[in-house]
C-alpha atoms as a PDB file:
ATOM      1  CA  UNK A   1      98.923 119.616  69.090  1.00  0.00           C
ATOM      2  CA  UNK A   2     102.889 119.664  69.644  1.00  0.00           C
ATOM      3  CA  UNK A   3     103.044 123.114  70.667  1.00  0.00           C
ATOM      4  CA  UNK A   4     100.309 122.544  73.660  1.00  0.00           C
ATOM      5  CA  UNK A   5     101.553 119.625  74.791  1.00  0.00           C
ATOM      6  CA  UNK A   6     105.467 120.184  75.037  1.00  0.00           C
ATOM      7  CA  UNK A   7     105.160 123.513  76.966  1.00  0.00           C
ATOM      8  CA  UNK A   8     102.668 121.627  79.342  1.00  0.00           C
ATOM      9  CA  UNK A   9     105.458 118.890  79.510  1.00  0.00           C
ATOM     10  CA  UNK A  10     107.957 121.070  80.312  1.00  0.00           C
ATOM     11  CA  UNK A  11     106.197 122.615  83.074  1.00  0.00           C
ATOM     12  CA  UNK A  12     104.867 119.597  84.652  1.00  0.00           C
ATOM     13  CA  UNK A  13     108.218 118.355  84.918  1.00  0.00           C
ATOM     14  CA  UNK A  14     109.573 121.918  87.120  1.00  0.00           C
ATOM     15  CA  UNK A  15     106.204 121.175  89.488  1.00  0.00           C
ATOM     16  CA  UNK A  16     107.576 117.554  90.298  1.00  0.00           C
ATOM     17  CA  UNK A  17     111.216 118.654  90.319  1.00  0.00           C
ATOM     18  CA  UNK A  18     109.894 121.501  92.679  1.00  0.00           C
ATOM     19  CA  UNK A  19     107.491 119.232  95.030  1.00  0.00           C
ATOM     20  CA  UNK A  20     110.534 116.912  95.307  1.00  0.00           C
ATOM     21  CA  UNK A  21     112.819 119.564  96.693  1.00  0.00           C
ATOM     22  CA  UNK A  22     110.242 121.056  98.747  1.00  0.00           C
ATOM     23  CA  UNK A  23     109.818 117.368 100.513  1.00  0.00           C
ATOM     24  CA  UNK A  24     112.796 116.720 100.792  1.00  0.00           C
ATOM     25  CA  UNK A  25     113.512 120.258 102.377  1.00  0.00           C
ATOM     26  CA  UNK A  26     110.453 119.119 104.695  1.00  0.00           C
ATOM     27  CA  UNK A  27     112.054 115.661 105.129  1.00  0.00           C
ATOM     28  CA  UNK A  28     115.480 117.615 106.196  1.00  0.00           C
ATOM     29  CA  UNK A  29     113.807 119.870 108.938  1.00  0.00           C
ATOM     30  CA  UNK A  30     111.669 117.350 110.481  1.00  0.00           C
ATOM     31  CA  UNK A  31     114.694 114.914 111.037  1.00  0.00           C
ATOM     32  CA  UNK A  32     116.770 118.288 112.652  1.00  0.00           C
ATOM     33  CA  UNK A  33     113.629 118.891 114.538  1.00  0.00           C
ATOM     34  CA  UNK A  34     113.440 115.102 115.868  1.00  0.00           C
ATOM     35  CA  UNK A  35     117.388 114.931 116.908  1.00  0.00           C
ATOM     36  CA  UNK A  36     117.700 118.802 118.622  1.00  0.00           C
ATOM     37  CA  UNK A  37     114.428 118.059 120.557  1.00  0.00           C
ATOM     38  CA  UNK A  38     114.590 114.181 120.696  1.00  0.00           C
ATOM     39  CA  UNK A  39     110.273 114.461 120.321  1.00  0.00           C
ATOM     40  CA  UNK A  40     108.362 114.460 117.218  1.00  0.00           C
ATOM     41  CA  UNK A  41     105.561 116.448 118.482  1.00  0.00           C
ATOM     42  CA  UNK A  42     107.456 119.719 116.991  1.00  0.00           C
ATOM     43  CA  UNK A  43     107.882 117.862 113.588  1.00  0.00           C
ATOM     44  CA  UNK A  44     104.425 116.707 112.455  1.00  0.00           C
ATOM     45  CA  UNK A  45     104.022 119.925 110.348  1.00  0.00           C
ATOM     46  CA  UNK A  46     106.791 119.082 108.468  1.00  0.00           C
ATOM     47  CA  UNK A  47     105.675 115.435 108.169  1.00  0.00           C
ATOM     48  CA  UNK A  48     102.031 116.590 107.120  1.00  0.00           C
ATOM     49  CA  UNK A  49     104.135 119.094 103.961  1.00  0.00           C
ATOM     50  CA  UNK A  50     106.136 115.641 103.120  1.00  0.00           C
ATOM     51  CA  UNK A  51     102.914 114.142 102.372  1.00  0.00           C
ATOM     52  CA  UNK A  52     101.530 116.812 100.728  1.00  0.00           C
ATOM     53  CA  UNK A  53     104.701 117.461  98.413  1.00  0.00           C
ATOM     54  CA  UNK A  54     104.627 113.580  98.113  1.00  0.00           C
ATOM     55  CA  UNK A  55     101.131 113.429  96.792  1.00  0.00           C
ATOM     56  CA  UNK A  56     101.850 117.040  94.539  1.00  0.00           C
ATOM     57  CA  UNK A  57     104.839 115.043  92.676  1.00  0.00           C
ATOM     58  CA  UNK A  58     102.994 111.748  92.101  1.00  0.00           C
ATOM     59  CA  UNK A  59     100.012 113.303  90.697  1.00  0.00           C
ATOM     60  CA  UNK A  60     102.214 115.456  88.716  1.00  0.00           C
ATOM     61  CA  UNK A  61     104.406 112.655  87.484  1.00  0.00           C
ATOM     62  CA  UNK A  62     101.038 111.231  86.639  1.00  0.00           C
ATOM     63  CA  UNK A  63      99.864 113.788  84.162  1.00  0.00           C
ATOM     64  CA  UNK A  64     103.836 114.285  82.510  1.00  0.00           C
ATOM     65  CA  UNK A  65     103.093 110.614  81.889  1.00  0.00           C
ATOM     66  CA  UNK A  66      99.840 111.055  80.402  1.00  0.00           C
ATOM     67  CA  UNK A  67     101.267 113.822  78.586  1.00  0.00           C
ATOM     68  CA  UNK A  68     103.977 111.631  77.218  1.00  0.00           C
ATOM     69  CA  UNK A  69     101.571 109.164  76.309  1.00  0.00           C
ATOM     70  CA  UNK A  70      99.454 111.248  74.375  1.00  0.00           C
ATOM     71  CA  UNK A  71     103.012 112.745  72.207  1.00  0.00           C
ATOM     72  CA  UNK A  72     103.537 109.233  71.633  1.00  0.00           C
ATOM     73  CA  UNK A  73     100.547 108.416  69.948  1.00  0.00           C
ATOM     74  CA  UNK A  74     100.145 110.825  68.022  1.00  0.00           C
ATOM     75  CA  UNK A  75     103.443 110.730  66.633  1.00  0.00           C
ATOM     76  CA  UNK A  76     102.810 106.676  65.823  1.00  0.00           C
ATOM     77  CA  UNK A  77      99.454 107.836  64.389  1.00  0.00           C
ATOM     78  CA  UNK A  78     100.678 111.176  62.111  1.00  0.00           C
END
């Protein structure tokens, strides 16, 4: 079982990192657009991307926590 859960955990952690970086990049782009134009109208796409990446990161973190809990349960029980 550990042979399945540990790679799944590693994949989830990579997905968390990717969504975090993409969210930060979208935040930086929207801030740059706001500063250059003085209007937040052009930044709505970037703000939507920020929200999408934030929810993706939360989802992957929750799944990673579930995998860690399962691993801890298996190691304590066995």
